[in-house]
Amino acid sequence: MTENIDFFIQEDGTDNNMTNDFDINDLLNQVQNTELLEHDLMVPQFINYSENYTVKQLLLICDYYGIGKELKTNKCTKDVIIQILIDFEMNPINSDIVFKRQNLWFYMNELKNDKFMKKFVLW
């Protein structure tokens, strides 16, 4: 035996739980705060790369990411290389390869600083 069920929903607009108020200024403030946070994270990274890395070391990092060839052919300055590198590393899409590179660089430095293992590392 099959029974048919019919129903009808009518909204009367008196439900206070559902509001269509959208504050564009609040959204813009959130976006600006996010941009400021990213900028705040980029400045120390820029200083770190600028003071602690040579152009050759920066190009090695870029080569690891697969973006070094374009930088070498365009003969970019150190500041441009650093900016491109930071832009690449700040992109959430690249977070896996950035994390892997940072881990491998850490392990490489550990091996280079070990009295026994440093003779086996060609870097």
PDB file of N, CA and C in Angstrom:
ATOM      1  N   MET A   1       0.830  -1.160   0.000  1.00  0.00           N
ATOM      2  CA  MET A   1       0.000   0.000   0.000  1.00  0.00           C
ATOM      3  C   MET A   1       0.893   1.247   0.000  1.00  0.00           C
ATOM      4  N   THR A   2       0.702   2.081  -0.939  1.00  0.00           N
ATOM      5  CA  THR A   2       1.503   3.281  -1.093  1.00  0.00           C
ATOM      6  C   THR A   2       0.686   4.485  -0.665  1.00  0.00           C
ATOM      7  N   GLU A   3       1.298   5.281   0.210  1.00  0.00           N
ATOM      8  CA  GLU A   3       0.630   6.496   0.664  1.00  0.00           C
ATOM      9  C   GLU A   3       1.383   7.696   0.120  1.00  0.00           C
ATOM     10  N   ASN A   4       0.680   8.675  -0.301  1.00  0.00           N
ATOM     11  CA  ASN A   4       1.282   9.917  -0.785  1.00  0.00           C
ATOM     12  C   ASN A   4       1.281  10.928   0.347  1.00  0.00           C
ATOM     13  N   ILE A   5       2.382  11.617   0.468  1.00  0.00           N
ATOM     14  CA  ILE A   5       2.487  12.658   1.484  1.00  0.00           C
ATOM     15  C   ILE A   5       2.696  13.972   0.766  1.00  0.00           C
ATOM     16  N   ASP A   6       1.898  14.926   1.090  1.00  0.00           N
ATOM     17  CA  ASP A   6       2.026  16.270   0.542  1.00  0.00           C
ATOM     18  C   ASP A   6       2.352  17.217   1.683  1.00  0.00           C
ATOM     19  N   PHE A   7       3.253  18.149   1.421  1.00  0.00           N
ATOM     20  CA  PHE A   7       3.537  19.161   2.435  1.00  0.00           C
ATOM     21  C   PHE A   7       3.839  20.476   1.745  1.00  0.00           C
ATOM     22  N   PHE A   8       3.673  21.539   2.485  1.00  0.00           N
ATOM     23  CA  PHE A   8       3.868  22.882   1.964  1.00  0.00           C
ATOM     24  C   PHE A   8       4.590  23.690   3.029  1.00  0.00           C
ATOM     25  N   ILE A   9       5.688  24.367   2.652  1.00  0.00           N
ATOM     26  CA  ILE A   9       6.442  25.196   3.579  1.00  0.00           C
ATOM     27  C   ILE A   9       6.297  26.640   3.141  1.00  0.00           C
ATOM     28  N   GLN A  10       5.904  27.468   4.072  1.00  0.00           N
ATOM     29  CA  GLN A  10       5.763  28.883   3.781  1.00  0.00           C
ATOM     30  C   GLN A  10       6.538  29.666   4.836  1.00  0.00           C
ATOM     31  N   GLU A  11       7.458  30.497   4.378  1.00  0.00           N
ATOM     32  CA  GLU A  11       8.218  31.324   5.301  1.00  0.00           C
ATOM     33  C   GLU A  11       7.483  32.636   5.480  1.00  0.00           C
ATOM     34  N   ASP A  12       7.313  33.034   6.721  1.00  0.00           N
ATOM     35  CA  ASP A  12       6.605  34.269   6.979  1.00  0.00           C
ATOM     36  C   ASP A  12       7.534  35.440   7.256  1.00  0.00           C
ATOM     37  N   GLY A  13       8.835  35.199   7.315  1.00  0.00           N
ATOM     38  CA  GLY A  13       9.801  36.274   7.492  1.00  0.00           C
ATOM     39  C   GLY A  13       9.918  36.768   8.915  1.00  0.00           C
ATOM     40  N   THR A  14       9.311  36.091   9.866  1.00  0.00           N
ATOM     41  CA  THR A  14       9.386  36.545  11.256  1.00  0.00           C
ATOM     42  C   THR A  14      10.440  35.800  12.045  1.00  0.00           C
ATOM     43  N   ASP A  15      11.131  34.879  11.441  1.00  0.00           N
ATOM     44  CA  ASP A  15      12.151  34.104  12.139  1.00  0.00           C
ATOM     45  C   ASP A  15      13.373  34.995  12.361  1.00  0.00           C
ATOM     46  N   ASN A  16      13.688  35.273  13.606  1.00  0.00           N
ATOM     47  CA  ASN A  16      14.810  36.152  13.942  1.00  0.00           C
ATOM     48  C   ASN A  16      16.149  35.443  13.897  1.00  0.00           C
ATOM     49  N   ASN A  17      16.150  34.114  13.830  1.00  0.00           N
ATOM     50  CA  ASN A  17      17.409  33.378  13.799  1.00  0.00           C
ATOM     51  C   ASN A  17      18.117  33.529  12.466  1.00  0.00           C
ATOM     52  N   MET A  18      17.365  33.745  11.420  1.00  0.00           N
ATOM     53  CA  MET A  18      17.961  33.879  10.099  1.00  0.00           C
ATOM     54  C   MET A  18      17.999  35.358   9.743  1.00  0.00           C
ATOM     55  N   THR A  19      19.183  35.899   9.648  1.00  0.00           N
ATOM     56  CA  THR A  19      19.322  37.305   9.284  1.00  0.00           C
ATOM     57  C   THR A  19      20.069  37.395   7.979  1.00  0.00           C
ATOM     58  N   ASN A  20      19.690  38.346   7.185  1.00  0.00           N
ATOM     59  CA  ASN A  20      20.362  38.563   5.908  1.00  0.00           C
ATOM     60  C   ASN A  20      21.286  39.762   5.984  1.00  0.00           C
ATOM     61  N   ASP A  21      21.561  40.220   7.184  1.00  0.00           N
ATOM     62  CA  ASP A  21      22.459  41.354   7.349  1.00  0.00           C
ATOM     63  C   ASP A  21      23.881  40.911   7.060  1.00  0.00           C
ATOM     64  N   PHE A  22      24.508  41.609   6.151  1.00  0.00           N
ATOM     65  CA  PHE A  22      25.874  41.288   5.774  1.00  0.00           C
ATOM     66  C   PHE A  22      26.669  42.576   5.850  1.00  0.00           C
ATOM     67  N   ASP A  23      27.676  42.573   6.692  1.00  0.00           N
ATOM     68  CA  ASP A  23      28.473  43.777   6.883  1.00  0.00           C
ATOM     69  C   ASP A  23      29.730  43.678   6.032  1.00  0.00           C
ATOM     70  N   ILE A  24      29.725  44.407   4.923  1.00  0.00           N
ATOM     71  CA  ILE A  24      30.867  44.382   4.013  1.00  0.00           C
ATOM     72  C   ILE A  24      32.102  44.988   4.664  1.00  0.00           C
ATOM     73  N   ASN A  25      31.918  45.953   5.538  1.00  0.00           N
ATOM     74  CA  ASN A  25      33.065  46.568   6.216  1.00  0.00           C
ATOM     75  C   ASN A  25      33.765  45.574   7.130  1.00  0.00           C
ATOM     76  N   ASP A  26      33.000  44.712   7.775  1.00  0.00           N
ATOM     77  CA  ASP A  26      33.589  43.678   8.627  1.00  0.00           C
ATOM     78  C   ASP A  26      34.431  42.717   7.795  1.00  0.00           C
ATOM     79  N   LEU A  27      33.910  42.337   6.641  1.00  0.00           N
ATOM     80  CA  LEU A  27      34.649  41.444   5.748  1.00  0.00           C
ATOM     81  C   LEU A  27      35.928  42.121   5.246  1.00  0.00           C
ATOM     82  N   LEU A  28      35.850  43.388   4.872  1.00  0.00           N
ATOM     83  CA  LEU A  28      37.035  44.110   4.405  1.00  0.00           C
ATOM     84  C   LEU A  28      38.089  44.223   5.506  1.00  0.00           C
ATOM     85  N   ASN A  29      37.649  44.450   6.740  1.00  0.00           N
ATOM     86  CA  ASN A  29      38.591  44.510   7.860  1.00  0.00           C
ATOM     87  C   ASN A  29      39.290  43.178   8.069  1.00  0.00           C
ATOM     88  N   GLN A  30      38.551  42.080   7.918  1.00  0.00           N
ATOM     89  CA  GLN A  30      39.155  40.752   8.065  1.00  0.00           C
ATOM     90  C   GLN A  30      40.204  40.523   6.985  1.00  0.00           C
ATOM     91  N   VAL A  31      39.898  40.909   5.755  1.00  0.00           N
ATOM     92  CA  VAL A  31      40.848  40.739   4.647  1.00  0.00           C
ATOM     93  C   VAL A  31      42.091  41.587   4.881  1.00  0.00           C
ATOM     94  N   GLN A  32      41.904  42.829   5.310  1.00  0.00           N
ATOM     95  CA  GLN A  32      43.045  43.702   5.565  1.00  0.00           C
ATOM     96  C   GLN A  32      43.899  43.173   6.703  1.00  0.00           C
ATOM     97  N   ASN A  33      43.277  42.636   7.744  1.00  0.00           N
ATOM     98  CA  ASN A  33      44.033  42.063   8.856  1.00  0.00           C
ATOM     99  C   ASN A  33      44.830  40.858   8.391  1.00  0.00           C
ATOM    100  N   THR A  34      44.260  40.053   7.495  1.00  0.00           N
ATOM    101  CA  THR A  34      44.969  38.896   6.953  1.00  0.00           C
ATOM    102  C   THR A  34      46.176  39.353   6.138  1.00  0.00           C
ATOM    103  N   GLU A  35      45.981  40.395   5.334  1.00  0.00           N
ATOM    104  CA  GLU A  35      47.089  40.915   4.531  1.00  0.00           C
ATOM    105  C   GLU A  35      48.185  41.487   5.429  1.00  0.00           C
ATOM    106  N   LEU A  36      47.802  42.164   6.503  1.00  0.00           N
ATOM    107  CA  LEU A  36      48.797  42.698   7.434  1.00  0.00           C
ATOM    108  C   LEU A  36      49.564  41.581   8.114  1.00  0.00           C
ATOM    109  N   LEU A  37      48.868  40.503   8.477  1.00  0.00           N
ATOM    110  CA  LEU A  37      49.525  39.357   9.101  1.00  0.00           C
ATOM    111  C   LEU A  37      50.529  38.733   8.147  1.00  0.00           C
ATOM    112  N   GLU A  38      50.133  38.559   6.879  1.00  0.00           N
ATOM    113  CA  GLU A  38      51.062  38.006   5.900  1.00  0.00           C
ATOM    114  C   GLU A  38      52.274  38.918   5.738  1.00  0.00           C
ATOM    115  N   HIS A  39      52.031  40.223   5.698  1.00  0.00           N
ATOM    116  CA  HIS A  39      53.139  41.171   5.577  1.00  0.00           C
ATOM    117  C   HIS A  39      54.052  41.080   6.796  1.00  0.00           C
ATOM    118  N   ASP A  40      53.454  40.934   7.987  1.00  0.00           N
ATOM    119  CA  ASP A  40      54.247  40.813   9.213  1.00  0.00           C
ATOM    120  C   ASP A  40      55.091  39.548   9.201  1.00  0.00           C
ATOM    121  N   LEU A  41      54.629  38.505   8.543  1.00  0.00           N
ATOM    122  CA  LEU A  41      55.396  37.269   8.450  1.00  0.00           C
ATOM    123  C   LEU A  41      56.472  37.348   7.365  1.00  0.00           C
ATOM    124  N   MET A  42      56.231  38.169   6.355  1.00  0.00           N
ATOM    125  CA  MET A  42      57.165  38.261   5.243  1.00  0.00           C
ATOM    126  C   MET A  42      58.415  39.068   5.598  1.00  0.00           C
ATOM    127  N   VAL A  43      58.274  40.079   6.408  1.00  0.00           N
ATOM    128  CA  VAL A  43      59.409  40.956   6.732  1.00  0.00           C
ATOM    129  C   VAL A  43      60.527  40.189   7.439  1.00  0.00           C
ATOM    130  N   PRO A  44      60.246  39.420   8.496  1.00  0.00           N
ATOM    131  CA  PRO A  44      61.346  38.677   9.125  1.00  0.00           C
ATOM    132  C   PRO A  44      61.974  37.642   8.191  1.00  0.00           C
ATOM    133  N   GLN A  45      61.155  37.043   7.347  1.00  0.00           N
ATOM    134  CA  GLN A  45      61.681  36.058   6.393  1.00  0.00           C
ATOM    135  C   GLN A  45      62.594  36.756   5.389  1.00  0.00           C
ATOM    136  N   PHE A  46      62.198  37.931   4.938  1.00  0.00           N
ATOM    137  CA  PHE A  46      63.031  38.696   4.008  1.00  0.00           C
ATOM    138  C   PHE A  46      64.374  39.038   4.648  1.00  0.00           C
ATOM    139  N   ILE A  47      64.336  39.487   5.885  1.00  0.00           N
ATOM    140  CA  ILE A  47      65.571  39.832   6.596  1.00  0.00           C
ATOM    141  C   ILE A  47      66.440  38.596   6.788  1.00  0.00           C
ATOM    142  N   ASN A  48      65.829  37.476   7.136  1.00  0.00           N
ATOM    143  CA  ASN A  48      66.572  36.231   7.321  1.00  0.00           C
ATOM    144  C   ASN A  48      67.288  35.828   6.030  1.00  0.00           C
ATOM    145  N   TYR A  49      66.553  35.808   4.931  1.00  0.00           N
ATOM    146  CA  TYR A  49      67.173  35.427   3.660  1.00  0.00           C
ATOM    147  C   TYR A  49      68.232  36.444   3.239  1.00  0.00           C
ATOM    148  N   SER A  50      67.982  37.707   3.489  1.00  0.00           N
ATOM    149  CA  SER A  50      68.895  38.750   3.061  1.00  0.00           C
ATOM    150  C   SER A  50      70.224  38.693   3.825  1.00  0.00           C
ATOM    151  N   GLU A  51      70.154  38.461   5.132  1.00  0.00           N
ATOM    152  CA  GLU A  51      71.358  38.511   5.956  1.00  0.00           C
ATOM    153  C   GLU A  51      72.088  37.176   6.084  1.00  0.00           C
ATOM    154  N   ASN A  52      71.372  36.066   5.970  1.00  0.00           N
ATOM    155  CA  ASN A  52      71.978  34.766   6.266  1.00  0.00           C
ATOM    156  C   ASN A  52      72.219  33.875   5.053  1.00  0.00           C
ATOM    157  N   TYR A  53      71.821  34.305   3.872  1.00  0.00           N
ATOM    158  CA  TYR A  53      71.970  33.473   2.680  1.00  0.00           C
ATOM    159  C   TYR A  53      72.655  34.258   1.576  1.00  0.00           C
ATOM    160  N   THR A  54      73.493  33.555   0.832  1.00  0.00           N
ATOM    161  CA  THR A  54      74.100  34.145  -0.355  1.00  0.00           C
ATOM    162  C   THR A  54      73.155  33.930  -1.536  1.00  0.00           C
ATOM    163  N   VAL A  55      73.444  34.602  -2.638  1.00  0.00           N
ATOM    164  CA  VAL A  55      72.627  34.423  -3.838  1.00  0.00           C
ATOM    165  C   VAL A  55      72.697  32.972  -4.297  1.00  0.00           C
ATOM    166  N   LYS A  56      73.873  32.375  -4.196  1.00  0.00           N
ATOM    167  CA  LYS A  56      74.039  30.974  -4.597  1.00  0.00           C
ATOM    168  C   LYS A  56      73.152  30.054  -3.757  1.00  0.00           C
ATOM    169  N   GLN A  57      73.097  30.283  -2.457  1.00  0.00           N
ATOM    170  CA  GLN A  57      72.247  29.472  -1.580  1.00  0.00           C
ATOM    171  C   GLN A  57      70.760  29.692  -1.887  1.00  0.00           C
ATOM    172  N   LEU A  58      70.398  30.927  -2.152  1.00  0.00           N
ATOM    173  CA  LEU A  58      69.006  31.225  -2.496  1.00  0.00           C
ATOM    174  C   LEU A  58      68.611  30.544  -3.804  1.00  0.00           C
ATOM    175  N   LEU A  59      69.519  30.538  -4.763  1.00  0.00           N
ATOM    176  CA  LEU A  59      69.231  29.875  -6.036  1.00  0.00           C
ATOM    177  C   LEU A  59      69.129  28.363  -5.873  1.00  0.00           C
ATOM    178  N   LEU A  60      69.880  27.795  -4.920  1.00  0.00           N
ATOM    179  CA  LEU A  60      69.724  26.364  -4.630  1.00  0.00           C
ATOM    180  C   LEU A  60      68.320  26.058  -4.111  1.00  0.00           C
ATOM    181  N   ILE A  61      67.830  26.917  -3.244  1.00  0.00           N
ATOM    182  CA  ILE A  61      66.471  26.740  -2.729  1.00  0.00           C
ATOM    183  C   ILE A  61      65.469  26.864  -3.878  1.00  0.00           C
ATOM    184  N   CYS A  62      65.663  27.861  -4.720  1.00  0.00           N
ATOM    185  CA  CYS A  62      64.773  28.043  -5.873  1.00  0.00           C
ATOM    186  C   CYS A  62      64.831  26.846  -6.821  1.00  0.00           C
ATOM    187  N   ASP A  63      66.030  26.304  -7.018  1.00  0.00           N
ATOM    188  CA  ASP A  63      66.162  25.100  -7.843  1.00  0.00           C
ATOM    189  C   ASP A  63      65.378  23.939  -7.253  1.00  0.00           C
ATOM    190  N   TYR A  64      65.414  23.809  -5.942  1.00  0.00           N
ATOM    191  CA  TYR A  64      64.663  22.739  -5.290  1.00  0.00           C
ATOM    192  C   TYR A  64      63.169  22.886  -5.570  1.00  0.00           C
ATOM    193  N   TYR A  65      62.699  24.114  -5.551  1.00  0.00           N
ATOM    194  CA  TYR A  65      61.279  24.372  -5.813  1.00  0.00           C
ATOM    195  C   TYR A  65      60.940  24.320  -7.301  1.00  0.00           C
ATOM    196  N   GLY A  66      61.957  24.300  -8.138  1.00  0.00           N
ATOM    197  CA  GLY A  66      61.714  24.254  -9.579  1.00  0.00           C
ATOM    198  C   GLY A  66      61.503  25.622 -10.200  1.00  0.00           C
ATOM    199  N   ILE A  67      61.911  26.672  -9.510  1.00  0.00           N
ATOM    200  CA  ILE A  67      61.732  28.024 -10.047  1.00  0.00           C
ATOM    201  C   ILE A  67      63.072  28.722 -10.286  1.00  0.00           C
ATOM    202  N   GLY A  68      64.156  27.997 -10.183  1.00  0.00           N
ATOM    203  CA  GLY A  68      65.480  28.607 -10.286  1.00  0.00           C
ATOM    204  C   GLY A  68      65.902  28.943 -11.701  1.00  0.00           C
ATOM    205  N   LYS A  69      65.453  28.165 -12.664  1.00  0.00           N
ATOM    206  CA  LYS A  69      65.896  28.371 -14.043  1.00  0.00           C
ATOM    207  C   LYS A  69      65.472  29.741 -14.576  1.00  0.00           C
ATOM    208  N   GLU A  70      64.239  30.130 -14.284  1.00  0.00           N
ATOM    209  CA  GLU A  70      63.752  31.426 -14.750  1.00  0.00           C
ATOM    210  C   GLU A  70      64.518  32.573 -14.091  1.00  0.00           C
ATOM    211  N   LEU A  71      64.849  32.398 -12.829  1.00  0.00           N
ATOM    212  CA  LEU A  71      65.573  33.451 -12.112  1.00  0.00           C
ATOM    213  C   LEU A  71      66.986  33.608 -12.646  1.00  0.00           C
ATOM    214  N   LYS A  72      67.603  32.487 -13.003  1.00  0.00           N
ATOM    215  CA  LYS A  72      68.967  32.559 -13.525  1.00  0.00           C
ATOM    216  C   LYS A  72      68.992  33.188 -14.913  1.00  0.00           C
ATOM    217  N   THR A  73      68.011  32.848 -15.760  1.00  0.00           N
ATOM    218  CA  THR A  73      68.005  33.404 -17.112  1.00  0.00           C
ATOM    219  C   THR A  73      67.676  34.889 -17.112  1.00  0.00           C
ATOM    220  N   ASN A  74      66.887  35.345 -16.143  1.00  0.00           N
ATOM    221  CA  ASN A  74      66.548  36.767 -16.058  1.00  0.00           C
ATOM    222  C   ASN A  74      67.571  37.569 -15.249  1.00  0.00           C
ATOM    223  N   LYS A  75      68.547  36.891 -14.665  1.00  0.00           N
ATOM    224  CA  LYS A  75      69.604  37.528 -13.874  1.00  0.00           C
ATOM    225  C   LYS A  75      69.023  38.494 -12.843  1.00  0.00           C
ATOM    226  N   CYS A  76      68.179  37.951 -11.983  1.00  0.00           N
ATOM    227  CA  CYS A  76      67.511  38.750 -10.953  1.00  0.00           C
ATOM    228  C   CYS A  76      68.479  39.133  -9.841  1.00  0.00           C
ATOM    229  N   THR A  77      68.200  40.246  -9.211  1.00  0.00           N
ATOM    230  CA  THR A  77      69.000  40.677  -8.064  1.00  0.00           C
ATOM    231  C   THR A  77      68.609  39.845  -6.840  1.00  0.00           C
ATOM    232  N   LYS A  78      69.428  39.959  -5.810  1.00  0.00           N
ATOM    233  CA  LYS A  78      69.186  39.191  -4.589  1.00  0.00           C
ATOM    234  C   LYS A  78      67.826  39.534  -3.988  1.00  0.00           C
ATOM    235  N   ASP A  79      67.472  40.815  -3.956  1.00  0.00           N
ATOM    236  CA  ASP A  79      66.187  41.222  -3.381  1.00  0.00           C
ATOM    237  C   ASP A  79      65.007  40.649  -4.167  1.00  0.00           C
ATOM    238  N   VAL A  80      65.126  40.623  -5.485  1.00  0.00           N
ATOM    239  CA  VAL A  80      64.057  40.065  -6.320  1.00  0.00           C
ATOM    240  C   VAL A  80      63.942  38.561  -6.087  1.00  0.00           C
ATOM    241  N   ILE A  81      65.079  37.884  -6.003  1.00  0.00           N
ATOM    242  CA  ILE A  81      65.081  36.439  -5.743  1.00  0.00           C
ATOM    243  C   ILE A  81      64.407  36.159  -4.406  1.00  0.00           C
ATOM    244  N   ILE A  82      64.747  36.937  -3.403  1.00  0.00           N
ATOM    245  CA  ILE A  82      64.164  36.739  -2.073  1.00  0.00           C
ATOM    246  C   ILE A  82      62.650  36.963  -2.117  1.00  0.00           C
ATOM    247  N   GLN A  83      62.212  38.011  -2.803  1.00  0.00           N
ATOM    248  CA  GLN A  83      60.777  38.300  -2.875  1.00  0.00           C
ATOM    249  C   GLN A  83      60.020  37.181  -3.580  1.00  0.00           C
ATOM    250  N   ILE A  84      60.564  36.672  -4.673  1.00  0.00           N
ATOM    251  CA  ILE A  84      59.922  35.568  -5.392  1.00  0.00           C
ATOM    252  C   ILE A  84      59.900  34.320  -4.518  1.00  0.00           C
ATOM    253  N   LEU A  85      60.983  34.074  -3.825  1.00  0.00           N
ATOM    254  CA  LEU A  85      61.073  32.921  -2.930  1.00  0.00           C
ATOM    255  C   LEU A  85      60.042  33.012  -1.802  1.00  0.00           C
ATOM    256  N   ILE A  86      59.917  34.176  -1.204  1.00  0.00           N
ATOM    257  CA  ILE A  86      58.949  34.359  -0.120  1.00  0.00           C
ATOM    258  C   ILE A  86      57.522  34.226  -0.641  1.00  0.00           C
ATOM    259  N   ASP A  87      57.254  34.801  -1.807  1.00  0.00           N
ATOM    260  CA  ASP A  87      55.914  34.665  -2.397  1.00  0.00           C
ATOM    261  C   ASP A  87      55.579  33.197  -2.638  1.00  0.00           C
ATOM    262  N   PHE A  88      56.560  32.434  -3.123  1.00  0.00           N
ATOM    263  CA  PHE A  88      56.342  31.005  -3.350  1.00  0.00           C
ATOM    264  C   PHE A  88      56.068  30.289  -2.036  1.00  0.00           C
ATOM    265  N   GLU A  89      56.876  30.583  -1.020  1.00  0.00           N
ATOM    266  CA  GLU A  89      56.741  29.879   0.255  1.00  0.00           C
ATOM    267  C   GLU A  89      55.493  30.288   1.031  1.00  0.00           C
ATOM    268  N   MET A  90      54.995  31.485   0.831  1.00  0.00           N
ATOM    269  CA  MET A  90      53.801  31.940   1.539  1.00  0.00           C
ATOM    270  C   MET A  90      52.512  31.408   0.910  1.00  0.00           C
ATOM    271  N   ASN A  91      52.585  30.895  -0.295  1.00  0.00           N
ATOM    272  CA  ASN A  91      51.408  30.362  -0.969  1.00  0.00           C
ATOM    273  C   ASN A  91      51.026  29.029  -0.317  1.00  0.00           C
ATOM    274  N   PRO A  92      49.807  28.926   0.202  1.00  0.00           N
ATOM    275  CA  PRO A  92      49.395  27.685   0.888  1.00  0.00           C
ATOM    276  C   PRO A  92      49.455  26.443   0.002  1.00  0.00           C
ATOM    277  N   ILE A  93      49.364  26.618  -1.289  1.00  0.00           N
ATOM    278  CA  ILE A  93      49.427  25.476  -2.212  1.00  0.00           C
ATOM    279  C   ILE A  93      50.790  24.799  -2.139  1.00  0.00           C
ATOM    280  N   ASN A  94      51.824  25.571  -1.835  1.00  0.00           N
ATOM    281  CA  ASN A  94      53.196  25.062  -1.815  1.00  0.00           C
ATOM    282  C   ASN A  94      53.657  24.616  -0.435  1.00  0.00           C
ATOM    283  N   SER A  95      52.764  24.564   0.525  1.00  0.00           N
ATOM    284  CA  SER A  95      53.175  24.302   1.908  1.00  0.00           C
ATOM    285  C   SER A  95      53.863  22.949   2.074  1.00  0.00           C
ATOM    286  N   ASP A  96      53.431  21.933   1.336  1.00  0.00           N
ATOM    287  CA  ASP A  96      54.053  20.606   1.477  1.00  0.00           C
ATOM    288  C   ASP A  96      55.509  20.613   1.040  1.00  0.00           C
ATOM    289  N   ILE A  97      55.774  21.171  -0.123  1.00  0.00           N
ATOM    290  CA  ILE A  97      57.151  21.170  -0.623  1.00  0.00           C
ATOM    291  C   ILE A  97      58.030  22.105   0.211  1.00  0.00           C
ATOM    292  N   VAL A  98      57.454  23.191   0.719  1.00  0.00           N
ATOM    293  CA  VAL A  98      58.219  24.111   1.570  1.00  0.00           C
ATOM    294  C   VAL A  98      58.608  23.417   2.873  1.00  0.00           C
ATOM    295  N   PHE A  99      57.658  22.716   3.477  1.00  0.00           N
ATOM    296  CA  PHE A  99      57.948  22.000   4.718  1.00  0.00           C
ATOM    297  C   PHE A  99      59.002  20.917   4.484  1.00  0.00           C
ATOM    298  N   LYS A 100      58.886  20.210   3.381  1.00  0.00           N
ATOM    299  CA  LYS A 100      59.859  19.159   3.071  1.00  0.00           C
ATOM    300  C   LYS A 100      61.251  19.756   2.867  1.00  0.00           C
ATOM    301  N   ARG A 101      61.327  20.867   2.133  1.00  0.00           N
ATOM    302  CA  ARG A 101      62.617  21.516   1.897  1.00  0.00           C
ATOM    303  C   ARG A 101      63.241  21.990   3.203  1.00  0.00           C
ATOM    304  N   GLN A 102      62.443  22.584   4.070  1.00  0.00           N
ATOM    305  CA  GLN A 102      62.964  23.063   5.345  1.00  0.00           C
ATOM    306  C   GLN A 102      63.475  21.908   6.197  1.00  0.00           C
ATOM    307  N   ASN A 103      62.766  20.796   6.183  1.00  0.00           N
ATOM    308  CA  ASN A 103      63.223  19.614   6.913  1.00  0.00           C
ATOM    309  C   ASN A 103      64.546  19.104   6.363  1.00  0.00           C
ATOM    310  N   LEU A 104      64.635  18.981   5.059  1.00  0.00           N
ATOM    311  CA  LEU A 104      65.855  18.456   4.443  1.00  0.00           C
ATOM    312  C   LEU A 104      67.045  19.387   4.675  1.00  0.00           C
ATOM    313  N   TRP A 105      66.812  20.699   4.613  1.00  0.00           N
ATOM    314  CA  TRP A 105      67.890  21.650   4.878  1.00  0.00           C
ATOM    315  C   TRP A 105      68.337  21.550   6.333  1.00  0.00           C
ATOM    316  N   PHE A 106      67.401  21.340   7.236  1.00  0.00           N
ATOM    317  CA  PHE A 106      67.747  21.164   8.647  1.00  0.00           C
ATOM    318  C   PHE A 106      68.615  19.924   8.827  1.00  0.00           C
ATOM    319  N   TYR A 107      68.205  18.809   8.215  1.00  0.00           N
ATOM    320  CA  TYR A 107      68.979  17.570   8.336  1.00  0.00           C
ATOM    321  C   TYR A 107      70.361  17.721   7.708  1.00  0.00           C
ATOM    322  N   MET A 108      70.421  18.438   6.591  1.00  0.00           N
ATOM    323  CA  MET A 108      71.707  18.652   5.935  1.00  0.00           C
ATOM    324  C   MET A 108      72.647  19.429   6.856  1.00  0.00           C
ATOM    325  N   ASN A 109      72.141  20.456   7.513  1.00  0.00           N
ATOM    326  CA  ASN A 109      72.969  21.233   8.445  1.00  0.00           C
ATOM    327  C   ASN A 109      73.395  20.391   9.638  1.00  0.00           C
ATOM    328  N   GLU A 110      72.521  19.542  10.119  1.00  0.00           N
ATOM    329  CA  GLU A 110      72.879  18.648  11.223  1.00  0.00           C
ATOM    330  C   GLU A 110      74.012  17.708  10.814  1.00  0.00           C
ATOM    331  N   LEU A 111      73.930  17.171   9.611  1.00  0.00           N
ATOM    332  CA  LEU A 111      74.988  16.284   9.132  1.00  0.00           C
ATOM    333  C   LEU A 111      76.305  17.039   8.940  1.00  0.00           C
ATOM    334  N   LYS A 112      76.229  18.252   8.423  1.00  0.00           N
ATOM    335  CA  LYS A 112      77.444  19.045   8.213  1.00  0.00           C
ATOM    336  C   LYS A 112      78.107  19.434   9.522  1.00  0.00           C
ATOM    337  N   ASN A 113      77.325  19.580  10.574  1.00  0.00           N
ATOM    338  CA  ASN A 113      77.878  20.001  11.867  1.00  0.00           C
ATOM    339  C   ASN A 113      78.325  18.830  12.742  1.00  0.00           C
ATOM    340  N   ASP A 114      78.088  17.626  12.301  1.00  0.00           N
ATOM    341  CA  ASP A 114      78.523  16.453  13.048  1.00  0.00           C
ATOM    342  C   ASP A 114      79.964  16.129  12.658  1.00  0.00           C
ATOM    343  N   LYS A 115      80.810  15.893  13.649  1.00  0.00           N
ATOM    344  CA  LYS A 115      82.231  15.657  13.387  1.00  0.00           C
ATOM    345  C   LYS A 115      82.466  14.436  12.502  1.00  0.00           C
ATOM    346  N   PHE A 116      81.703  13.382  12.716  1.00  0.00           N
ATOM    347  CA  PHE A 116      81.900  12.156  11.955  1.00  0.00           C
ATOM    348  C   PHE A 116      81.218  12.238  10.582  1.00  0.00           C
ATOM    349  N   MET A 117      79.982  12.701  10.536  1.00  0.00           N
ATOM    350  CA  MET A 117      79.183  12.647   9.314  1.00  0.00           C
ATOM    351  C   MET A 117      79.562  13.703   8.274  1.00  0.00           C
ATOM    352  N   LYS A 118      80.208  14.782   8.706  1.00  0.00           N
ATOM    353  CA  LYS A 118      80.485  15.852   7.753  1.00  0.00           C
ATOM    354  C   LYS A 118      81.402  15.423   6.613  1.00  0.00           C
ATOM    355  N   LYS A 119      82.202  14.387   6.824  1.00  0.00           N
ATOM    356  CA  LYS A 119      83.087  13.941   5.738  1.00  0.00           C
ATOM    357  C   LYS A 119      82.337  13.182   4.658  1.00  0.00           C
ATOM    358  N   PHE A 120      81.077  12.786   4.931  1.00  0.00           N
ATOM    359  CA  PHE A 120      80.280  12.060   3.943  1.00  0.00           C
ATOM    360  C   PHE A 120      79.306  12.978   3.184  1.00  0.00           C
ATOM    361  N   VAL A 121      79.233  14.239   3.580  1.00  0.00           N
ATOM    362  CA  VAL A 121      78.262  15.156   2.980  1.00  0.00           C
ATOM    363  C   VAL A 121      78.967  16.047   1.972  1.00  0.00           C
ATOM    364  N   LEU A 122      78.499  16.009   0.749  1.00  0.00           N
ATOM    365  CA  LEU A 122      79.004  16.889  -0.293  1.00  0.00           C
ATOM    366  C   LEU A 122      77.953  17.961  -0.515  1.00  0.00           C
ATOM    367  N   TRP A 123      78.215  19.134  -0.010  1.00  0.00           N
ATOM    368  CA  TRP A 123      77.205  20.194  -0.127  1.00  0.00           C
ATOM    369  C   TRP A 123      77.870  21.479  -0.457  1.00  0.00           C
TER     370      TRP A 123
END
